[in-house]
Amino acid sequence: MPRNLQQITLSTCPNGVRDTELSIWNTDYRHLLARLVNVAVGDKDGSYFVRPTGTKRTNSDTADNADILILDGDKRIDRDTGEVLDGAPDPALVHGVLKAASINHIIFTSYSNGKDGADFYKYRVVILIKYNRAQLATLLDHIHERLHNAGVMLFNVPENRSWAQAWYFPRCPQERLHLFQSFHYLDGAVLDAGQWCTDYLAKHPAPAEPTANKSAPARLKSAQNRVDPIRLFNNHWKSPVNYLLTQGYKPKGNRLLHPLSQSKVAGVQICKSCADGVERVFSHGGSDPLSNGYAHDAFDCFAILEHGGNLLDALLDIARTWTVNGMTIESFNRMMHNQGGSL
């Protein structure tokens, strides 16, 4: 059978994403290509496809196997700073890397492509490979590492890992119809997902769980009023950067690299211009516990890394191990409270 006639199966829905009822689509490379490179003019919401077969668009109502792997071309990583930026790398670059590796794929630009200029790229990459649900994350890491090694810094967005994620068939508004692009390569050999995963995991053994270095207790020589443990902690470290360096983070340019980072892209941004004057850090790293969508001062970092995010435990740790005037902060503050002292 010619390679471009190989059979694949997925699920589709002719309506918008509010409709979660799915129909199975048995097709082949050639017909899938025709469907994905022909763009319709219209609103963003409309017909869509889902990687596994199933009756309903939920993780529990879909099969554990899929014939296509999807990369969401939505964001990119700044190679110098590690910052995640809106808009993906040029899809032609992704196509070049995948074609050079003989990886069968189809790329088509999505609805938001070109909304901020002709070089503002948004697209979907459909890779033709048979795999199971447990292999998804490893395959995504493998492909993104291959792209990054070639200098194409496509960001691995969370949607890629959502098994029953809906992906729209190509549509765009009339005013950006001329910006629609597609690329494909279907002459490669059948890909072996199991071998890909075995090879990748052999090169990237699971790291040991990091144990945060315990922050050494500090001693404040004198105080006249009750002590605020958070303010004391932040004043002691001066910057969350100083604290994070004791926890294995590494400086890289004007950013920090998380100790378990496999991409080696420094994803911890240093925020020196916060409105309240407090220096904070913001992490974009998927494996970094600090990467939760918020900026953190030194105390926040301490609470997350050494106390699993439990703020009360972090406060008590400081209050019972840090000292002022020769006594623990907890004892000192209790004494000042009894004497009528204030923060």
C-alpha atoms as a PDB file:
ATOM      1  CA  MET A   1       0.000   0.000   0.000  1.00  0.00           C
ATOM      2  CA  PRO A   2       1.429   3.463  -0.860  1.00  0.00           C
ATOM      3  CA  ARG A   3       2.477   5.281   2.252  1.00  0.00           C
ATOM      4  CA  ASN A   4       0.044   8.134   1.681  1.00  0.00           C
ATOM      5  CA  LEU A   5      -2.855   5.648   1.677  1.00  0.00           C
ATOM      6  CA  GLN A   6      -2.136   4.165   5.084  1.00  0.00           C
ATOM      7  CA  GLN A   7      -5.267   3.958   7.196  1.00  0.00           C
ATOM      8  CA  ILE A   8      -5.808   6.085  10.282  1.00  0.00           C
ATOM      9  CA  THR A   9      -8.775   6.537  12.590  1.00  0.00           C
ATOM     10  CA  LEU A  10      -9.781   9.502  14.731  1.00  0.00           C
ATOM     11  CA  SER A  11     -12.951  11.236  15.939  1.00  0.00           C
ATOM     12  CA  THR A  12     -14.731  14.297  14.606  1.00  0.00           C
ATOM     13  CA  CYS A  13     -17.642  16.558  15.450  1.00  0.00           C
ATOM     14  CA  PRO A  14     -19.376  18.757  12.828  1.00  0.00           C
ATOM     15  CA  ASN A  15     -20.464  21.340  15.385  1.00  0.00           C
ATOM     16  CA  GLY A  16     -18.682  23.699  17.784  1.00  0.00           C
ATOM     17  CA  VAL A  17     -16.881  22.673  20.964  1.00  0.00           C
ATOM     18  CA  ARG A  18     -20.053  22.894  23.072  1.00  0.00           C
ATOM     19  CA  ASP A  19     -21.135  19.722  21.301  1.00  0.00           C
ATOM     20  CA  THR A  20     -19.123  16.872  22.814  1.00  0.00           C
ATOM     21  CA  GLU A  21     -20.712  14.037  20.815  1.00  0.00           C
ATOM     22  CA  LEU A  22     -18.146  12.366  18.548  1.00  0.00           C
ATOM     23  CA  SER A  23     -18.233  10.278  15.388  1.00  0.00           C
ATOM     24  CA  ILE A  24     -15.451   7.930  14.305  1.00  0.00           C
ATOM     25  CA  TRP A  25     -13.679   8.863  11.082  1.00  0.00           C
ATOM     26  CA  ASN A  26     -11.842   6.098   9.256  1.00  0.00           C
ATOM     27  CA  THR A  27      -9.609   7.725   6.660  1.00  0.00           C
ATOM     28  CA  ASP A  28      -6.113   7.650   5.190  1.00  0.00           C
ATOM     29  CA  TYR A  29      -3.170  10.045   4.905  1.00  0.00           C
ATOM     30  CA  ARG A  30      -4.296  11.394   1.525  1.00  0.00           C
ATOM     31  CA  HIS A  31      -7.844  12.251   2.620  1.00  0.00           C
ATOM     32  CA  LEU A  32      -6.689  13.642   5.953  1.00  0.00           C
ATOM     33  CA  LEU A  33      -4.277  15.890   4.077  1.00  0.00           C
ATOM     34  CA  ALA A  34      -7.049  17.150   1.817  1.00  0.00           C
ATOM     35  CA  ARG A  35      -9.200  17.978   4.862  1.00  0.00           C
ATOM     36  CA  LEU A  36      -6.429  19.800   6.719  1.00  0.00           C
ATOM     37  CA  VAL A  37      -5.041  21.952   3.931  1.00  0.00           C
ATOM     38  CA  ASN A  38      -8.378  23.277   2.684  1.00  0.00           C
ATOM     39  CA  VAL A  39      -9.342  26.272   4.790  1.00  0.00           C
ATOM     40  CA  ALA A  40     -12.886  27.512   5.269  1.00  0.00           C
ATOM     41  CA  VAL A  41     -13.776  31.159   5.815  1.00  0.00           C
ATOM     42  CA  GLY A  42     -15.780  31.647   8.984  1.00  0.00           C
ATOM     43  CA  ASP A  43     -15.791  32.000  12.748  1.00  0.00           C
ATOM     44  CA  LYS A  44     -13.275  30.170  14.906  1.00  0.00           C
ATOM     45  CA  ASP A  45     -15.776  27.810  16.516  1.00  0.00           C
ATOM     46  CA  GLY A  46     -16.947  24.996  14.286  1.00  0.00           C
ATOM     47  CA  SER A  47     -16.121  21.456  13.281  1.00  0.00           C
ATOM     48  CA  TYR A  48     -13.234  19.812  15.082  1.00  0.00           C
ATOM     49  CA  PHE A  49     -11.323  16.570  15.453  1.00  0.00           C
ATOM     50  CA  VAL A  50      -9.998  14.610  18.442  1.00  0.00           C
ATOM     51  CA  ARG A  51      -7.008  12.268  18.360  1.00  0.00           C
ATOM     52  CA  PRO A  52      -8.605   9.086  19.868  1.00  0.00           C
ATOM     53  CA  THR A  53     -11.800   7.337  18.882  1.00  0.00           C
ATOM     54  CA  GLY A  54     -14.757   7.675  21.206  1.00  0.00           C
ATOM     55  CA  THR A  55     -18.406   8.572  21.608  1.00  0.00           C
ATOM     56  CA  LYS A  56     -17.927  11.668  23.774  1.00  0.00           C
ATOM     57  CA  ARG A  57     -15.144  14.226  24.112  1.00  0.00           C
ATOM     58  CA  THR A  58     -13.908  13.227  27.551  1.00  0.00           C
ATOM     59  CA  ASN A  59     -10.796  11.406  28.703  1.00  0.00           C
ATOM     60  CA  SER A  60     -12.902   8.562  30.086  1.00  0.00           C
ATOM     61  CA  ASP A  61     -15.060   8.108  26.959  1.00  0.00           C
ATOM     62  CA  THR A  62     -12.218   7.867  24.459  1.00  0.00           C
ATOM     63  CA  ALA A  63      -9.914   4.990  23.550  1.00  0.00           C
ATOM     64  CA  ASP A  64      -6.350   4.663  24.829  1.00  0.00           C
ATOM     65  CA  ASN A  65      -4.795   4.597  21.353  1.00  0.00           C
ATOM     66  CA  ALA A  66      -4.341   7.255  18.697  1.00  0.00           C
ATOM     67  CA  ASP A  67      -2.977   7.515  15.155  1.00  0.00           C
ATOM     68  CA  ILE A  68      -1.997  11.197  15.239  1.00  0.00           C
ATOM     69  CA  LEU A  69       0.110  13.329  17.552  1.00  0.00           C
ATOM     70  CA  ILE A  70      -0.736  17.041  17.634  1.00  0.00           C
ATOM     71  CA  LEU A  71       1.563  19.952  18.450  1.00  0.00           C
ATOM     72  CA  ASP A  72      -0.168  23.256  19.165  1.00  0.00           C
ATOM     73  CA  GLY A  73       1.881  25.969  17.465  1.00  0.00           C
ATOM     74  CA  ASP A  74       0.793  28.685  19.851  1.00  0.00           C
ATOM     75  CA  LYS A  75       3.880  29.964  21.712  1.00  0.00           C
ATOM     76  CA  ARG A  76       7.651  30.105  21.436  1.00  0.00           C
ATOM     77  CA  ILE A  77      10.572  30.273  23.845  1.00  0.00           C
ATOM     78  CA  ASP A  78      13.007  33.166  23.620  1.00  0.00           C
ATOM     79  CA  ARG A  79      16.320  31.371  23.184  1.00  0.00           C
ATOM     80  CA  ASP A  80      18.285  34.069  25.034  1.00  0.00           C
ATOM     81  CA  THR A  81      16.010  34.783  27.984  1.00  0.00           C
ATOM     82  CA  GLY A  82      13.853  31.659  28.275  1.00  0.00           C
ATOM     83  CA  GLU A  83      10.701  33.781  28.259  1.00  0.00           C
ATOM     84  CA  VAL A  84       7.603  32.159  26.773  1.00  0.00           C
ATOM     85  CA  LEU A  85       6.154  34.479  24.134  1.00  0.00           C
ATOM     86  CA  ASP A  86       2.847  34.523  22.295  1.00  0.00           C
ATOM     87  CA  GLY A  87       3.128  33.401  18.699  1.00  0.00           C
ATOM     88  CA  ALA A  88       5.010  30.320  17.495  1.00  0.00           C
ATOM     89  CA  PRO A  89       8.147  29.990  15.346  1.00  0.00           C
ATOM     90  CA  ASP A  90       7.732  30.077  11.575  1.00  0.00           C
ATOM     91  CA  PRO A  91       5.903  26.834  10.634  1.00  0.00           C
ATOM     92  CA  ALA A  92       8.230  26.435   7.641  1.00  0.00           C
ATOM     93  CA  LEU A  93      11.063  25.862  10.132  1.00  0.00           C
ATOM     94  CA  VAL A  94       9.103  23.135  11.928  1.00  0.00           C
ATOM     95  CA  HIS A  95       8.312  21.531   8.579  1.00  0.00           C
ATOM     96  CA  GLY A  96      12.000  21.586   7.643  1.00  0.00           C
ATOM     97  CA  VAL A  97      13.102  19.840  10.832  1.00  0.00           C
ATOM     98  CA  LEU A  98      10.424  17.150  10.630  1.00  0.00           C
ATOM     99  CA  LYS A  99      10.990  16.508   6.937  1.00  0.00           C
ATOM    100  CA  ALA A 100      14.747  16.192   7.463  1.00  0.00           C
ATOM    101  CA  ALA A 101      13.994  13.521  10.087  1.00  0.00           C
ATOM    102  CA  SER A 102      11.564  11.703   7.711  1.00  0.00           C
ATOM    103  CA  ILE A 103       8.675  12.294  10.107  1.00  0.00           C
ATOM    104  CA  ASN A 104       5.296  12.173   8.336  1.00  0.00           C
ATOM    105  CA  HIS A 105       3.323  15.288   9.174  1.00  0.00           C
ATOM    106  CA  ILE A 106       0.794  17.898   8.096  1.00  0.00           C
ATOM    107  CA  ILE A 107       0.935  21.528   9.266  1.00  0.00           C
ATOM    108  CA  PHE A 108      -1.870  24.068   8.821  1.00  0.00           C
ATOM    109  CA  THR A 109      -2.218  27.571  10.205  1.00  0.00           C
ATOM    110  CA  SER A 110      -5.083  28.203  12.622  1.00  0.00           C
ATOM    111  CA  TYR A 111      -7.675  30.923  13.094  1.00  0.00           C
ATOM    112  CA  SER A 112      -5.459  33.407  14.976  1.00  0.00           C
ATOM    113  CA  ASN A 113      -2.569  33.165  12.529  1.00  0.00           C
ATOM    114  CA  GLY A 114      -1.517  36.630  11.370  1.00  0.00           C
ATOM    115  CA  LYS A 115      -3.761  38.552  13.765  1.00  0.00           C
ATOM    116  CA  ASP A 116      -0.797  40.643  14.924  1.00  0.00           C
ATOM    117  CA  GLY A 117       1.040  40.770  11.607  1.00  0.00           C
ATOM    118  CA  ALA A 118       2.154  38.450   8.842  1.00  0.00           C
ATOM    119  CA  ASP A 119       4.958  36.996  10.978  1.00  0.00           C
ATOM    120  CA  PHE A 120       2.665  36.216  13.928  1.00  0.00           C
ATOM    121  CA  TYR A 121       2.270  32.456  13.564  1.00  0.00           C
ATOM    122  CA  LYS A 122      -0.361  30.134  14.976  1.00  0.00           C
ATOM    123  CA  TYR A 123      -0.746  26.600  13.645  1.00  0.00           C
ATOM    124  CA  ARG A 124      -1.266  22.918  14.323  1.00  0.00           C
ATOM    125  CA  VAL A 125       1.243  20.177  13.563  1.00  0.00           C
ATOM    126  CA  VAL A 126      -0.287  16.747  12.967  1.00  0.00           C
ATOM    127  CA  ILE A 127       2.299  13.961  13.156  1.00  0.00           C
ATOM    128  CA  LEU A 128       1.277  10.574  11.825  1.00  0.00           C
ATOM    129  CA  ILE A 129       2.268   7.976  14.394  1.00  0.00           C
ATOM    130  CA  LYS A 130       0.400   5.219  16.235  1.00  0.00           C
ATOM    131  CA  TYR A 131       0.809   5.320  20.017  1.00  0.00           C
ATOM    132  CA  ASN A 132      -1.040   4.924  23.293  1.00  0.00           C
ATOM    133  CA  ARG A 133      -2.090   7.356  25.981  1.00  0.00           C
ATOM    134  CA  ALA A 134       0.824   6.484  28.284  1.00  0.00           C
ATOM    135  CA  GLN A 135       3.332   7.376  25.562  1.00  0.00           C
ATOM    136  CA  LEU A 136       1.913  10.827  24.838  1.00  0.00           C
ATOM    137  CA  ALA A 137       4.075  12.946  27.170  1.00  0.00           C
ATOM    138  CA  THR A 138       7.312  11.206  26.157  1.00  0.00           C
ATOM    139  CA  LEU A 139       6.574  11.583  22.447  1.00  0.00           C
ATOM    140  CA  LEU A 140       5.882  15.284  22.941  1.00  0.00           C
ATOM    141  CA  ASP A 141       9.155  15.727  24.824  1.00  0.00           C
ATOM    142  CA  HIS A 142      11.005  13.838  22.087  1.00  0.00           C
ATOM    143  CA  ILE A 143       9.624  16.007  19.274  1.00  0.00           C
ATOM    144  CA  HIS A 144      10.086  19.311  21.108  1.00  0.00           C
ATOM    145  CA  GLU A 145      13.661  18.418  22.027  1.00  0.00           C
ATOM    146  CA  ARG A 146      14.366  17.609  18.384  1.00  0.00           C
ATOM    147  CA  LEU A 147      12.978  21.003  17.372  1.00  0.00           C
ATOM    148  CA  HIS A 148      14.887  22.850  20.098  1.00  0.00           C
ATOM    149  CA  ASN A 149      18.147  21.151  19.145  1.00  0.00           C
ATOM    150  CA  ALA A 150      17.587  22.510  15.643  1.00  0.00           C
ATOM    151  CA  GLY A 151      17.019  26.002  17.016  1.00  0.00           C
ATOM    152  CA  VAL A 152      13.229  25.971  16.536  1.00  0.00           C
ATOM    153  CA  MET A 153      11.972  26.962  19.967  1.00  0.00           C
ATOM    154  CA  LEU A 154       8.351  25.833  19.864  1.00  0.00           C
ATOM    155  CA  PHE A 155       6.837  25.778  23.365  1.00  0.00           C
ATOM    156  CA  ASN A 156       5.159  22.568  24.541  1.00  0.00           C
ATOM    157  CA  VAL A 157       1.826  23.998  25.700  1.00  0.00           C
ATOM    158  CA  PRO A 158      -0.429  22.105  28.163  1.00  0.00           C
ATOM    159  CA  GLU A 159      -3.088  21.511  25.488  1.00  0.00           C
ATOM    160  CA  ASN A 160      -0.717  19.088  23.757  1.00  0.00           C
ATOM    161  CA  ARG A 161      -0.982  16.719  26.723  1.00  0.00           C
ATOM    162  CA  SER A 162      -4.779  16.833  27.005  1.00  0.00           C
ATOM    163  CA  TRP A 163      -5.802  13.454  25.574  1.00  0.00           C
ATOM    164  CA  ALA A 164      -9.318  14.429  24.441  1.00  0.00           C
ATOM    165  CA  GLN A 165      -8.380  17.955  23.354  1.00  0.00           C
ATOM    166  CA  ALA A 166     -10.517  19.361  20.533  1.00  0.00           C
ATOM    167  CA  TRP A 167      -8.627  20.720  17.519  1.00  0.00           C
ATOM    168  CA  TYR A 168     -10.478  22.833  14.977  1.00  0.00           C
ATOM    169  CA  PHE A 169     -10.387  22.017  11.297  1.00  0.00           C
ATOM    170  CA  PRO A 170      -8.783  24.957   9.441  1.00  0.00           C
ATOM    171  CA  ARG A 171     -10.805  28.184   9.368  1.00  0.00           C
ATOM    172  CA  CYS A 172      -9.854  31.823   9.243  1.00  0.00           C
ATOM    173  CA  PRO A 173     -11.526  35.196   8.758  1.00  0.00           C
ATOM    174  CA  GLN A 174     -11.819  36.594   5.239  1.00  0.00           C
ATOM    175  CA  GLU A 175      -9.332  39.387   5.923  1.00  0.00           C
ATOM    176  CA  ARG A 176      -6.566  36.900   6.764  1.00  0.00           C
ATOM    177  CA  LEU A 177      -7.369  34.247   4.177  1.00  0.00           C
ATOM    178  CA  HIS A 178      -4.274  35.215   2.188  1.00  0.00           C
ATOM    179  CA  LEU A 179      -2.092  34.337   5.225  1.00  0.00           C
ATOM    180  CA  PHE A 180      -3.224  30.732   5.450  1.00  0.00           C
ATOM    181  CA  GLN A 181      -0.322  28.290   5.030  1.00  0.00           C
ATOM    182  CA  SER A 182       0.074  24.549   4.985  1.00  0.00           C
ATOM    183  CA  PHE A 183       2.992  22.144   4.734  1.00  0.00           C
ATOM    184  CA  HIS A 184       3.188  18.390   4.562  1.00  0.00           C
ATOM    185  CA  TYR A 185       5.520  15.457   4.198  1.00  0.00           C
ATOM    186  CA  LEU A 186       4.080  11.957   3.803  1.00  0.00           C
ATOM    187  CA  ASP A 187       6.947  10.001   2.254  1.00  0.00           C
ATOM    188  CA  GLY A 188       8.597   8.857   5.469  1.00  0.00           C
ATOM    189  CA  ALA A 189       8.621   5.375   6.938  1.00  0.00           C
ATOM    190  CA  VAL A 190       6.070   4.257   9.504  1.00  0.00           C
ATOM    191  CA  LEU A 191       7.151   5.630  12.868  1.00  0.00           C
ATOM    192  CA  ASP A 192       7.690   3.339  15.866  1.00  0.00           C
ATOM    193  CA  ALA A 193       6.346   5.070  18.979  1.00  0.00           C
ATOM    194  CA  GLY A 194       7.645   2.359  21.305  1.00  0.00           C
ATOM    195  CA  GLN A 195      11.194   2.700  19.989  1.00  0.00           C
ATOM    196  CA  TRP A 196      11.006   6.488  20.150  1.00  0.00           C
ATOM    197  CA  CYS A 197       9.966   6.332  23.804  1.00  0.00           C
ATOM    198  CA  THR A 198      12.603   3.729  24.671  1.00  0.00           C
ATOM    199  CA  ASP A 199      15.362   5.776  23.040  1.00  0.00           C
ATOM    200  CA  TYR A 200      14.236   9.031  24.625  1.00  0.00           C
ATOM    201  CA  LEU A 201      13.880   7.620  28.129  1.00  0.00           C
ATOM    202  CA  ALA A 202      17.281   5.932  27.873  1.00  0.00           C
ATOM    203  CA  LYS A 203      18.829   9.351  27.234  1.00  0.00           C
ATOM    204  CA  HIS A 204      16.668  11.078  29.860  1.00  0.00           C
ATOM    205  CA  PRO A 205      16.388   8.849  32.931  1.00  0.00           C
ATOM    206  CA  ALA A 206      13.919  10.101  35.476  1.00  0.00           C
ATOM    207  CA  PRO A 207      15.773  12.432  37.851  1.00  0.00           C
ATOM    208  CA  ALA A 208      15.755  11.749  41.535  1.00  0.00           C
ATOM    209  CA  GLU A 209      13.267  13.830  43.445  1.00  0.00           C
ATOM    210  CA  PRO A 210      15.085  16.966  44.561  1.00  0.00           C
ATOM    211  CA  THR A 211      15.420  17.549  48.248  1.00  0.00           C
ATOM    212  CA  ALA A 212      15.416  21.229  48.966  1.00  0.00           C
ATOM    213  CA  ASN A 213      18.359  22.361  51.012  1.00  0.00           C
ATOM    214  CA  LYS A 214      17.098  23.461  54.387  1.00  0.00           C
ATOM    215  CA  SER A 215      17.333  27.203  54.771  1.00  0.00           C
ATOM    216  CA  ALA A 216      19.738  27.889  57.638  1.00  0.00           C
ATOM    217  CA  PRO A 217      18.129  29.729  60.586  1.00  0.00           C
ATOM    218  CA  ALA A 218      19.100  33.379  60.865  1.00  0.00           C
ATOM    219  CA  ARG A 219      19.778  35.370  64.014  1.00  0.00           C
ATOM    220  CA  LEU A 220      18.548  38.943  64.358  1.00  0.00           C
ATOM    221  CA  LYS A 221      20.638  40.800  66.882  1.00  0.00           C
ATOM    222  CA  SER A 222      18.025  43.203  68.159  1.00  0.00           C
ATOM    223  CA  ALA A 223      14.422  44.270  67.797  1.00  0.00           C
ATOM    224  CA  GLN A 224      12.188  46.639  69.718  1.00  0.00           C
ATOM    225  CA  ASN A 225       8.809  45.434  68.457  1.00  0.00           C
ATOM    226  CA  ARG A 226       7.273  42.183  67.355  1.00  0.00           C
ATOM    227  CA  VAL A 227       8.906  40.686  64.260  1.00  0.00           C
ATOM    228  CA  ASP A 228       7.076  39.841  61.036  1.00  0.00           C
ATOM    229  CA  PRO A 229       8.568  36.474  59.920  1.00  0.00           C
ATOM    230  CA  ILE A 230       7.799  37.098  56.232  1.00  0.00           C
ATOM    231  CA  ARG A 231       9.358  40.550  56.206  1.00  0.00           C
ATOM    232  CA  LEU A 232      12.340  39.232  58.138  1.00  0.00           C
ATOM    233  CA  PHE A 233      12.838  36.360  55.690  1.00  0.00           C
ATOM    234  CA  ASN A 234      12.639  38.639  52.654  1.00  0.00           C
ATOM    235  CA  ASN A 235      14.939  41.241  54.207  1.00  0.00           C
ATOM    236  CA  HIS A 236      17.456  38.551  55.167  1.00  0.00           C
ATOM    237  CA  TRP A 237      17.725  37.144  51.615  1.00  0.00           C
ATOM    238  CA  LYS A 238      17.463  40.582  49.932  1.00  0.00           C
ATOM    239  CA  SER A 239      16.180  38.870  46.780  1.00  0.00           C
ATOM    240  CA  PRO A 240      14.431  35.573  46.001  1.00  0.00           C
ATOM    241  CA  VAL A 241      17.363  34.924  43.660  1.00  0.00           C
ATOM    242  CA  ASN A 242      19.767  34.654  46.599  1.00  0.00           C
ATOM    243  CA  TYR A 243      17.502  32.100  48.252  1.00  0.00           C
ATOM    244  CA  LEU A 244      16.965  30.074  45.070  1.00  0.00           C
ATOM    245  CA  LEU A 245      20.717  29.784  44.498  1.00  0.00           C
ATOM    246  CA  THR A 246      20.880  27.808  47.762  1.00  0.00           C
ATOM    247  CA  GLN A 247      18.211  25.445  46.364  1.00  0.00           C
ATOM    248  CA  GLY A 248      20.127  24.407  43.255  1.00  0.00           C
ATOM    249  CA  TYR A 249      18.877  26.987  40.779  1.00  0.00           C
ATOM    250  CA  LYS A 250      21.588  28.211  38.421  1.00  0.00           C
ATOM    251  CA  PRO A 251      22.062  31.694  36.983  1.00  0.00           C
ATOM    252  CA  LYS A 252      21.888  31.837  33.187  1.00  0.00           C
ATOM    253  CA  GLY A 253      22.095  35.313  31.757  1.00  0.00           C
ATOM    254  CA  ASN A 254      19.448  37.419  33.461  1.00  0.00           C
ATOM    255  CA  ARG A 255      17.388  34.350  34.391  1.00  0.00           C
ATOM    256  CA  LEU A 256      17.602  31.228  36.523  1.00  0.00           C
ATOM    257  CA  LEU A 257      17.618  27.593  35.432  1.00  0.00           C
ATOM    258  CA  HIS A 258      15.575  25.109  37.462  1.00  0.00           C
ATOM    259  CA  PRO A 259      17.794  22.226  38.710  1.00  0.00           C
ATOM    260  CA  LEU A 260      15.614  19.559  37.036  1.00  0.00           C
ATOM    261  CA  SER A 261      15.230  21.354  33.710  1.00  0.00           C
ATOM    262  CA  GLN A 262      15.764  18.976  30.795  1.00  0.00           C
ATOM    263  CA  SER A 263      15.344  21.642  28.102  1.00  0.00           C
ATOM    264  CA  LYS A 264      18.211  23.650  29.648  1.00  0.00           C
ATOM    265  CA  VAL A 265      16.175  26.766  28.896  1.00  0.00           C
ATOM    266  CA  ALA A 266      16.305  29.196  31.822  1.00  0.00           C
ATOM    267  CA  GLY A 267      12.631  29.645  32.594  1.00  0.00           C
ATOM    268  CA  VAL A 268      12.761  31.648  35.834  1.00  0.00           C
ATOM    269  CA  GLN A 269      12.287  35.333  35.134  1.00  0.00           C
ATOM    270  CA  ILE A 270      13.496  37.892  37.689  1.00  0.00           C
ATOM    271  CA  CYS A 271      10.919  40.655  38.274  1.00  0.00           C
ATOM    272  CA  LYS A 272      12.702  43.690  39.715  1.00  0.00           C
ATOM    273  CA  SER A 273      10.045  46.279  38.926  1.00  0.00           C
ATOM    274  CA  CYS A 274       7.030  45.104  40.929  1.00  0.00           C
ATOM    275  CA  ALA A 275       4.686  47.947  41.857  1.00  0.00           C
ATOM    276  CA  ASP A 276       5.206  47.414  45.602  1.00  0.00           C
ATOM    277  CA  GLY A 277       9.007  47.422  45.291  1.00  0.00           C
ATOM    278  CA  VAL A 278       9.367  43.754  46.312  1.00  0.00           C
ATOM    279  CA  GLU A 279      11.586  41.690  44.009  1.00  0.00           C
ATOM    280  CA  ARG A 280       9.939  38.509  42.774  1.00  0.00           C
ATOM    281  CA  VAL A 281      10.529  35.646  40.362  1.00  0.00           C
ATOM    282  CA  PHE A 282       8.158  34.137  37.810  1.00  0.00           C
ATOM    283  CA  SER A 283       8.749  30.622  36.528  1.00  0.00           C
ATOM    284  CA  HIS A 284       7.692  29.255  33.138  1.00  0.00           C
ATOM    285  CA  GLY A 285       9.275  25.804  33.676  1.00  0.00           C
ATOM    286  CA  GLY A 286       6.904  22.852  33.531  1.00  0.00           C
ATOM    287  CA  SER A 287       8.943  20.781  36.020  1.00  0.00           C
ATOM    288  CA  ASP A 288       9.473  23.691  38.411  1.00  0.00           C
ATOM    289  CA  PRO A 289       7.252  23.766  41.542  1.00  0.00           C
ATOM    290  CA  LEU A 290       7.358  27.574  41.306  1.00  0.00           C
ATOM    291  CA  SER A 291       5.593  27.424  37.935  1.00  0.00           C
ATOM    292  CA  ASN A 292       2.025  27.965  39.081  1.00  0.00           C
ATOM    293  CA  GLY A 293       1.083  31.175  37.276  1.00  0.00           C
ATOM    294  CA  TYR A 294       2.160  33.548  40.053  1.00  0.00           C
ATOM    295  CA  ALA A 295       5.201  35.674  40.827  1.00  0.00           C
ATOM    296  CA  HIS A 296       6.922  34.833  44.122  1.00  0.00           C
ATOM    297  CA  ASP A 297       8.988  36.684  46.691  1.00  0.00           C
ATOM    298  CA  ALA A 298      11.665  34.867  48.693  1.00  0.00           C
ATOM    299  CA  PHE A 299       9.199  33.723  51.362  1.00  0.00           C
ATOM    300  CA  ASP A 300       6.814  32.289  48.746  1.00  0.00           C
ATOM    301  CA  CYS A 301       9.706  30.329  47.246  1.00  0.00           C
ATOM    302  CA  PHE A 302      10.654  29.028  50.702  1.00  0.00           C
ATOM    303  CA  ALA A 303       7.066  27.963  51.400  1.00  0.00           C
ATOM    304  CA  ILE A 304       6.751  26.151  48.065  1.00  0.00           C
ATOM    305  CA  LEU A 305      10.150  24.452  47.969  1.00  0.00           C
ATOM    306  CA  GLU A 306      10.578  23.534  51.631  1.00  0.00           C
ATOM    307  CA  HIS A 307       6.966  23.250  52.812  1.00  0.00           C
ATOM    308  CA  GLY A 308       4.991  22.105  49.784  1.00  0.00           C
ATOM    309  CA  GLY A 309       3.250  25.466  49.541  1.00  0.00           C
ATOM    310  CA  ASN A 310       1.890  25.371  53.105  1.00  0.00           C
ATOM    311  CA  LEU A 311       2.251  28.997  54.233  1.00  0.00           C
ATOM    312  CA  LEU A 312       1.402  28.269  57.887  1.00  0.00           C
ATOM    313  CA  ASP A 313       4.093  25.589  58.135  1.00  0.00           C
ATOM    314  CA  ALA A 314       6.594  27.973  56.553  1.00  0.00           C
ATOM    315  CA  LEU A 315       5.688  30.728  59.020  1.00  0.00           C
ATOM    316  CA  LEU A 316       5.996  28.378  61.984  1.00  0.00           C
ATOM    317  CA  ASP A 317       9.355  27.092  60.721  1.00  0.00           C
ATOM    318  CA  ILE A 318      10.771  30.617  60.684  1.00  0.00           C
ATOM    319  CA  ALA A 319       9.116  31.578  63.958  1.00  0.00           C
ATOM    320  CA  ARG A 320      10.512  28.533  65.789  1.00  0.00           C
ATOM    321  CA  THR A 321      14.035  28.336  64.287  1.00  0.00           C
ATOM    322  CA  TRP A 322      15.035  31.939  63.582  1.00  0.00           C
ATOM    323  CA  THR A 323      15.993  33.991  66.599  1.00  0.00           C
ATOM    324  CA  VAL A 324      15.946  37.597  67.747  1.00  0.00           C
ATOM    325  CA  ASN A 325      17.541  38.904  70.937  1.00  0.00           C
ATOM    326  CA  GLY A 326      18.658  35.362  71.727  1.00  0.00           C
ATOM    327  CA  MET A 327      15.184  33.792  71.628  1.00  0.00           C
ATOM    328  CA  THR A 328      13.014  32.321  68.903  1.00  0.00           C
ATOM    329  CA  ILE A 329      10.824  34.754  67.023  1.00  0.00           C
ATOM    330  CA  GLU A 330       7.779  32.913  68.343  1.00  0.00           C
ATOM    331  CA  SER A 331       8.925  33.429  71.954  1.00  0.00           C
ATOM    332  CA  PHE A 332      10.036  36.997  71.286  1.00  0.00           C
ATOM    333  CA  ASN A 333       6.723  37.970  69.708  1.00  0.00           C
ATOM    334  CA  ARG A 334       4.811  36.342  72.550  1.00  0.00           C
ATOM    335  CA  MET A 335       6.860  38.328  75.058  1.00  0.00           C
ATOM    336  CA  MET A 336       6.327  41.585  73.127  1.00  0.00           C
ATOM    337  CA  HIS A 337       2.626  40.893  72.873  1.00  0.00           C
ATOM    338  CA  ASN A 338       2.404  40.438  76.618  1.00  0.00           C
ATOM    339  CA  GLN A 339       4.297  43.735  77.023  1.00  0.00           C
ATOM    340  CA  GLY A 340       2.057  45.547  74.539  1.00  0.00           C
ATOM    341  CA  GLY A 341       4.601  45.701  71.725  1.00  0.00           C
ATOM    342  CA  SER A 342       3.407  45.952  68.098  1.00  0.00           C
ATOM    343  CA  LEU A 343       4.582  45.008  64.618  1.00  0.00           C
END
